[in-house]
């Protein structure tokens, strides 16, 4: 496959991830507090699929690891916002089965070579560990977000979510710089600024409480 197609998937995914942060930031600034708009979760769903495809085409396990779990957390947040039910049932089924279809396709066609992914000739072991660690932090932030949302019975983006976003984002940025991955570099450079702003908003709210 053309390298331009591969990078096309990656850059479009990162643009959508950046767009979700921009939407979230605008809504938060308007209300002077951190909010989780519905569009944030819809954009997250689309971008997650595209970035997984990019990670697969680049044979980068660190990128792929972060996508499957968060995909369903995005869906759960739409459900908590009572927006998931408003989507047509056919589209809901398509959204739910897309990850499974991709996984089955990769396994049946033997496209993914796990030994190659874990011992990639172009990625030193220490760098792969850094990439996986950063993606685990970046993924687990949504587990934390999901648990907080379940406790509150509504979709929220708590302070610990933004702190983990900042830590994971900085680590991914280091990984991207070392590996010269422009897709990750562009996406996370922008995101770090939003994470810092949301942390400031949350701390300001707590200081006034």
C-alpha atoms as a PDB file:
ATOM      1  CA  UNK A   1       0.000   0.000   0.000  1.00  0.00           C
ATOM      2  CA  UNK A   2       1.186   3.523  -0.791  1.00  0.00           C
ATOM      3  CA  UNK A   3       2.934   5.328   2.054  1.00  0.00           C
ATOM      4  CA  UNK A   4       0.685   8.316   1.309  1.00  0.00           C
ATOM      5  CA  UNK A   5      -2.417   6.243   2.032  1.00  0.00           C
ATOM      6  CA  UNK A   6      -0.868   5.031   5.289  1.00  0.00           C
ATOM      7  CA  UNK A   7      -0.034   8.556   6.427  1.00  0.00           C
ATOM      8  CA  UNK A   8      -3.434   9.705   5.189  1.00  0.00           C
ATOM      9  CA  UNK A   9      -5.135   7.443   7.747  1.00  0.00           C
ATOM     10  CA  UNK A  10      -2.832   8.703  10.466  1.00  0.00           C
ATOM     11  CA  UNK A  11      -3.118  12.408   9.775  1.00  0.00           C
ATOM     12  CA  UNK A  12      -6.902  12.313   9.351  1.00  0.00           C
ATOM     13  CA  UNK A  13      -7.178  10.436  12.669  1.00  0.00           C
ATOM     14  CA  UNK A  14      -4.967  12.991  14.407  1.00  0.00           C
ATOM     15  CA  UNK A  15      -6.935  15.849  12.866  1.00  0.00           C
ATOM     16  CA  UNK A  16     -10.130  14.355  14.272  1.00  0.00           C
ATOM     17  CA  UNK A  17      -8.522  13.847  17.679  1.00  0.00           C
ATOM     18  CA  UNK A  18      -7.332  17.463  17.557  1.00  0.00           C
ATOM     19  CA  UNK A  19     -10.816  18.565  16.489  1.00  0.00           C
ATOM     20  CA  UNK A  20     -12.405  16.783  19.459  1.00  0.00           C
ATOM     21  CA  UNK A  21     -10.047  18.619  21.814  1.00  0.00           C
ATOM     22  CA  UNK A  22     -10.781  21.915  20.091  1.00  0.00           C
ATOM     23  CA  UNK A  23     -14.535  21.302  20.451  1.00  0.00           C
ATOM     24  CA  UNK A  24     -14.106  20.337  24.105  1.00  0.00           C
ATOM     25  CA  UNK A  25     -11.944  23.394  24.796  1.00  0.00           C
ATOM     26  CA  UNK A  26     -14.417  25.806  23.148  1.00  0.00           C
ATOM     27  CA  UNK A  27     -17.368  24.381  25.093  1.00  0.00           C
ATOM     28  CA  UNK A  28     -15.367  24.473  28.322  1.00  0.00           C
ATOM     29  CA  UNK A  29     -14.261  28.080  27.826  1.00  0.00           C
ATOM     30  CA  UNK A  30     -17.852  29.127  27.179  1.00  0.00           C
ATOM     31  CA  UNK A  31     -19.026  27.540  30.407  1.00  0.00           C
ATOM     32  CA  UNK A  32     -15.831  28.342  32.358  1.00  0.00           C
ATOM     33  CA  UNK A  33     -15.590  24.723  33.462  1.00  0.00           C
ATOM     34  CA  UNK A  34     -14.497  21.401  31.980  1.00  0.00           C
ATOM     35  CA  UNK A  35     -17.315  19.730  30.000  1.00  0.00           C
ATOM     36  CA  UNK A  36     -17.621  16.640  27.782  1.00  0.00           C
ATOM     37  CA  UNK A  37     -19.724  17.561  24.707  1.00  0.00           C
ATOM     38  CA  UNK A  38     -21.345  14.816  22.642  1.00  0.00           C
ATOM     39  CA  UNK A  39     -19.351  15.759  19.556  1.00  0.00           C
ATOM     40  CA  UNK A  40     -16.173  14.963  21.520  1.00  0.00           C
ATOM     41  CA  UNK A  41     -17.228  11.305  21.736  1.00  0.00           C
ATOM     42  CA  UNK A  42     -18.441  11.009  18.130  1.00  0.00           C
ATOM     43  CA  UNK A  43     -15.146  12.370  16.801  1.00  0.00           C
ATOM     44  CA  UNK A  44     -13.272  10.035  19.154  1.00  0.00           C
ATOM     45  CA  UNK A  45     -15.046   6.995  17.694  1.00  0.00           C
ATOM     46  CA  UNK A  46     -14.169   7.824  14.098  1.00  0.00           C
ATOM     47  CA  UNK A  47     -10.583   8.798  14.879  1.00  0.00           C
ATOM     48  CA  UNK A  48      -9.985   5.628  16.901  1.00  0.00           C
ATOM     49  CA  UNK A  49     -10.725   3.365  13.936  1.00  0.00           C
ATOM     50  CA  UNK A  50      -8.529   5.410  11.586  1.00  0.00           C
ATOM     51  CA  UNK A  51      -5.581   5.477  13.990  1.00  0.00           C
ATOM     52  CA  UNK A  52      -5.791   1.733  14.529  1.00  0.00           C
ATOM     53  CA  UNK A  53      -5.576   1.214  10.764  1.00  0.00           C
ATOM     54  CA  UNK A  54      -2.580   3.575  10.642  1.00  0.00           C
ATOM     55  CA  UNK A  55      -0.812   1.653  13.426  1.00  0.00           C
ATOM     56  CA  UNK A  56      -1.463  -1.625  11.619  1.00  0.00           C
ATOM     57  CA  UNK A  57      -0.112  -0.329   8.296  1.00  0.00           C
ATOM     58  CA  UNK A  58       2.962   1.048  10.089  1.00  0.00           C
ATOM     59  CA  UNK A  59       3.366  -2.279  11.951  1.00  0.00           C
ATOM     60  CA  UNK A  60       3.462  -0.393  15.255  1.00  0.00           C
ATOM     61  CA  UNK A  61       2.030  -2.370  18.188  1.00  0.00           C
ATOM     62  CA  UNK A  62       2.351   0.607  20.537  1.00  0.00           C
ATOM     63  CA  UNK A  63      -0.174   2.594  18.487  1.00  0.00           C
ATOM     64  CA  UNK A  64      -2.624  -0.264  17.970  1.00  0.00           C
ATOM     65  CA  UNK A  65      -2.778  -1.238  21.649  1.00  0.00           C
ATOM     66  CA  UNK A  66      -4.463   1.980  22.640  1.00  0.00           C
ATOM     67  CA  UNK A  67      -7.508   1.812  20.404  1.00  0.00           C
ATOM     68  CA  UNK A  68      -9.803  -1.172  21.069  1.00  0.00           C
ATOM     69  CA  UNK A  69     -10.617  -0.575  24.732  1.00  0.00           C
ATOM     70  CA  UNK A  70     -11.187   3.171  24.394  1.00  0.00           C
ATOM     71  CA  UNK A  71     -13.475   2.599  21.410  1.00  0.00           C
ATOM     72  CA  UNK A  72     -16.119   0.988  23.606  1.00  0.00           C
ATOM     73  CA  UNK A  73     -15.630   3.553  26.364  1.00  0.00           C
ATOM     74  CA  UNK A  74     -16.493   6.248  23.793  1.00  0.00           C
ATOM     75  CA  UNK A  75     -19.704   4.350  23.055  1.00  0.00           C
ATOM     76  CA  UNK A  76     -20.509   4.041  26.761  1.00  0.00           C
ATOM     77  CA  UNK A  77     -20.114   7.810  27.229  1.00  0.00           C
ATOM     78  CA  UNK A  78     -22.574   8.426  24.391  1.00  0.00           C
ATOM     79  CA  UNK A  79     -24.923   6.034  26.151  1.00  0.00           C
ATOM     80  CA  UNK A  80     -24.547   7.934  29.436  1.00  0.00           C
ATOM     81  CA  UNK A  81     -25.363  11.150  27.581  1.00  0.00           C
ATOM     82  CA  UNK A  82     -28.452   9.397  26.145  1.00  0.00           C
ATOM     83  CA  UNK A  83     -27.201  10.093  22.616  1.00  0.00           C
ATOM     84  CA  UNK A  84     -26.352   6.522  21.651  1.00  0.00           C
ATOM     85  CA  UNK A  85     -30.031   5.560  21.573  1.00  0.00           C
ATOM     86  CA  UNK A  86     -30.777   8.353  19.097  1.00  0.00           C
ATOM     87  CA  UNK A  87     -28.534   6.727  16.462  1.00  0.00           C
ATOM     88  CA  UNK A  88     -30.283   4.402  14.031  1.00  0.00           C
ATOM     89  CA  UNK A  89     -30.100   0.772  15.117  1.00  0.00           C
ATOM     90  CA  UNK A  90     -28.375  -0.271  11.884  1.00  0.00           C
ATOM     91  CA  UNK A  91     -25.620   2.310  12.364  1.00  0.00           C
ATOM     92  CA  UNK A  92     -25.245   1.272  16.013  1.00  0.00           C
ATOM     93  CA  UNK A  93     -24.654  -2.347  14.977  1.00  0.00           C
ATOM     94  CA  UNK A  94     -22.123  -1.235  12.356  1.00  0.00           C
ATOM     95  CA  UNK A  95     -20.235   0.822  14.933  1.00  0.00           C
ATOM     96  CA  UNK A  96     -20.235  -2.069  17.414  1.00  0.00           C
ATOM     97  CA  UNK A  97     -19.006  -4.757  15.017  1.00  0.00           C
ATOM     98  CA  UNK A  98     -16.356  -2.783  13.101  1.00  0.00           C
ATOM     99  CA  UNK A  99     -13.549  -3.580  15.601  1.00  0.00           C
ATOM    100  CA  UNK A 100     -14.466  -7.289  15.587  1.00  0.00           C
ATOM    101  CA  UNK A 101     -14.524  -7.393  11.782  1.00  0.00           C
ATOM    102  CA  UNK A 102     -11.062  -5.803  11.640  1.00  0.00           C
ATOM    103  CA  UNK A 103      -9.687  -8.222  14.224  1.00  0.00           C
ATOM    104  CA  UNK A 104     -11.117 -11.298  12.493  1.00  0.00           C
ATOM    105  CA  UNK A 105      -9.835 -10.096   9.126  1.00  0.00           C
ATOM    106  CA  UNK A 106      -6.300  -9.598  10.467  1.00  0.00           C
ATOM    107  CA  UNK A 107      -6.292 -13.018  12.172  1.00  0.00           C
ATOM    108  CA  UNK A 108      -7.768 -14.941   9.218  1.00  0.00           C
ATOM    109  CA  UNK A 109      -5.443 -13.359   6.678  1.00  0.00           C
ATOM    110  CA  UNK A 110      -2.493 -13.685   9.090  1.00  0.00           C
ATOM    111  CA  UNK A 111      -1.723 -10.045   8.410  1.00  0.00           C
ATOM    112  CA  UNK A 112      -0.455  -9.305  11.910  1.00  0.00           C
ATOM    113  CA  UNK A 113       2.852 -10.969  12.748  1.00  0.00           C
ATOM    114  CA  UNK A 114       3.129 -10.601  16.525  1.00  0.00           C
ATOM    115  CA  UNK A 115       6.764 -11.671  16.611  1.00  0.00           C
ATOM    116  CA  UNK A 116       7.571  -8.931  14.098  1.00  0.00           C
ATOM    117  CA  UNK A 117       5.579  -6.352  16.030  1.00  0.00           C
ATOM    118  CA  UNK A 118       7.272  -7.230  19.316  1.00  0.00           C
ATOM    119  CA  UNK A 119      10.721  -7.419  17.741  1.00  0.00           C
ATOM    120  CA  UNK A 120      10.460  -4.804  15.016  1.00  0.00           C
ATOM    121  CA  UNK A 121      13.812  -4.344  13.219  1.00  0.00           C
ATOM    122  CA  UNK A 122      13.272  -0.577  13.053  1.00  0.00           C
ATOM    123  CA  UNK A 123      12.225  -0.086  16.701  1.00  0.00           C
ATOM    124  CA  UNK A 124      14.666  -0.805  19.576  1.00  0.00           C
ATOM    125  CA  UNK A 125      13.174  -2.735  22.492  1.00  0.00           C
ATOM    126  CA  UNK A 126      13.537   0.184  24.923  1.00  0.00           C
ATOM    127  CA  UNK A 127      11.716   2.478  22.494  1.00  0.00           C
ATOM    128  CA  UNK A 128       8.924  -0.057  21.990  1.00  0.00           C
ATOM    129  CA  UNK A 129       8.572  -0.298  25.787  1.00  0.00           C
ATOM    130  CA  UNK A 130       8.361   3.519  25.981  1.00  0.00           C
ATOM    131  CA  UNK A 131       5.700   3.547  23.272  1.00  0.00           C
ATOM    132  CA  UNK A 132       3.648   0.807  24.908  1.00  0.00           C
ATOM    133  CA  UNK A 133       3.939   2.444  28.352  1.00  0.00           C
ATOM    134  CA  UNK A 134       2.800   5.810  27.014  1.00  0.00           C
ATOM    135  CA  UNK A 135      -0.117   4.207  25.183  1.00  0.00           C
ATOM    136  CA  UNK A 136      -1.112   2.276  28.327  1.00  0.00           C
ATOM    137  CA  UNK A 137      -1.231   5.524  30.321  1.00  0.00           C
ATOM    138  CA  UNK A 138      -3.097   7.220  27.491  1.00  0.00           C
ATOM    139  CA  UNK A 139      -5.563   4.325  27.298  1.00  0.00           C
ATOM    140  CA  UNK A 140      -6.007   3.884  31.066  1.00  0.00           C
ATOM    141  CA  UNK A 141      -6.995   7.565  31.398  1.00  0.00           C
ATOM    142  CA  UNK A 142     -10.256   6.617  29.680  1.00  0.00           C
ATOM    143  CA  UNK A 143     -10.753   3.732  32.111  1.00  0.00           C
ATOM    144  CA  UNK A 144     -10.404   6.301  34.908  1.00  0.00           C
ATOM    145  CA  UNK A 145     -12.786   8.625  33.040  1.00  0.00           C
ATOM    146  CA  UNK A 146     -15.284   5.805  32.564  1.00  0.00           C
ATOM    147  CA  UNK A 147     -15.200   4.787  36.255  1.00  0.00           C
ATOM    148  CA  UNK A 148     -15.719   8.403  37.325  1.00  0.00           C
ATOM    149  CA  UNK A 149     -18.595   8.769  34.860  1.00  0.00           C
ATOM    150  CA  UNK A 150     -20.264   5.574  36.069  1.00  0.00           C
ATOM    151  CA  UNK A 151     -20.022   6.827  39.646  1.00  0.00           C
ATOM    152  CA  UNK A 152     -21.549  10.186  38.712  1.00  0.00           C
ATOM    153  CA  UNK A 153     -24.083   8.572  36.333  1.00  0.00           C
ATOM    154  CA  UNK A 154     -23.131  11.075  33.638  1.00  0.00           C
ATOM    155  CA  UNK A 155     -20.290  11.633  31.189  1.00  0.00           C
ATOM    156  CA  UNK A 156     -17.526  13.735  32.786  1.00  0.00           C
ATOM    157  CA  UNK A 157     -13.845  14.489  32.181  1.00  0.00           C
ATOM    158  CA  UNK A 158     -12.340  14.667  35.708  1.00  0.00           C
ATOM    159  CA  UNK A 159      -9.032  16.208  36.801  1.00  0.00           C
ATOM    160  CA  UNK A 160      -7.196  12.878  37.008  1.00  0.00           C
ATOM    161  CA  UNK A 161      -8.146  12.231  33.363  1.00  0.00           C
ATOM    162  CA  UNK A 162      -6.358  15.429  32.279  1.00  0.00           C
ATOM    163  CA  UNK A 163      -3.301  14.770  34.459  1.00  0.00           C
ATOM    164  CA  UNK A 164      -2.902  11.311  32.910  1.00  0.00           C
ATOM    165  CA  UNK A 165      -3.484  12.845  29.471  1.00  0.00           C
ATOM    166  CA  UNK A 166      -0.615  15.262  30.050  1.00  0.00           C
ATOM    167  CA  UNK A 167       1.772  12.557  31.289  1.00  0.00           C
ATOM    168  CA  UNK A 168       0.858  10.150  28.480  1.00  0.00           C
ATOM    169  CA  UNK A 169       0.944  12.920  25.883  1.00  0.00           C
ATOM    170  CA  UNK A 170       4.463  14.005  26.878  1.00  0.00           C
ATOM    171  CA  UNK A 171       5.718  10.390  26.758  1.00  0.00           C
ATOM    172  CA  UNK A 172       4.121   9.813  23.335  1.00  0.00           C
ATOM    173  CA  UNK A 173       5.678  13.067  22.130  1.00  0.00           C
ATOM    174  CA  UNK A 174       9.114  11.821  23.222  1.00  0.00           C
ATOM    175  CA  UNK A 175       8.440   8.521  21.426  1.00  0.00           C
ATOM    176  CA  UNK A 176       7.329  10.382  18.289  1.00  0.00           C
ATOM    177  CA  UNK A 177      10.412  12.639  18.275  1.00  0.00           C
ATOM    178  CA  UNK A 178      12.813   9.699  18.646  1.00  0.00           C
ATOM    179  CA  UNK A 179      11.015   7.673  15.975  1.00  0.00           C
ATOM    180  CA  UNK A 180      10.419  10.717  13.747  1.00  0.00           C
ATOM    181  CA  UNK A 181       6.704   9.960  13.563  1.00  0.00           C
ATOM    182  CA  UNK A 182       5.132  13.163  12.233  1.00  0.00           C
ATOM    183  CA  UNK A 183       1.592  11.858  12.705  1.00  0.00           C
ATOM    184  CA  UNK A 184       2.045  11.453  16.462  1.00  0.00           C
ATOM    185  CA  UNK A 185       4.241  14.549  16.708  1.00  0.00           C
ATOM    186  CA  UNK A 186       1.681  16.896  15.164  1.00  0.00           C
ATOM    187  CA  UNK A 187      -1.277  15.420  17.063  1.00  0.00           C
ATOM    188  CA  UNK A 188       0.205  15.416  20.539  1.00  0.00           C
ATOM    189  CA  UNK A 189       1.978  18.769  20.355  1.00  0.00           C
ATOM    190  CA  UNK A 190      -1.437  20.422  20.065  1.00  0.00           C
ATOM    191  CA  UNK A 191      -3.098  18.193  22.653  1.00  0.00           C
ATOM    192  CA  UNK A 192      -0.662  18.978  25.451  1.00  0.00           C
ATOM    193  CA  UNK A 193      -1.741  22.638  25.441  1.00  0.00           C
ATOM    194  CA  UNK A 194      -5.414  21.647  25.856  1.00  0.00           C
ATOM    195  CA  UNK A 195      -4.582  19.218  28.662  1.00  0.00           C
ATOM    196  CA  UNK A 196      -2.763  21.971  30.552  1.00  0.00           C
ATOM    197  CA  UNK A 197      -5.676  24.384  30.072  1.00  0.00           C
ATOM    198  CA  UNK A 198      -8.222  21.866  31.362  1.00  0.00           C
ATOM    199  CA  UNK A 199      -6.052  21.124  34.405  1.00  0.00           C
ATOM    200  CA  UNK A 200      -5.957  24.872  35.080  1.00  0.00           C
ATOM    201  CA  UNK A 201      -9.770  25.122  34.783  1.00  0.00           C
ATOM    202  CA  UNK A 202     -10.295  22.192  37.123  1.00  0.00           C
ATOM    203  CA  UNK A 203      -7.824  23.475  39.722  1.00  0.00           C
ATOM    204  CA  UNK A 204      -9.394  26.935  39.541  1.00  0.00           C
ATOM    205  CA  UNK A 205     -12.831  25.425  40.160  1.00  0.00           C
ATOM    206  CA  UNK A 206     -11.539  23.472  43.154  1.00  0.00           C
ATOM    207  CA  UNK A 207      -9.854  26.604  44.547  1.00  0.00           C
ATOM    208  CA  UNK A 208     -13.180  28.482  44.396  1.00  0.00           C
ATOM    209  CA  UNK A 209     -15.155  25.627  45.936  1.00  0.00           C
END
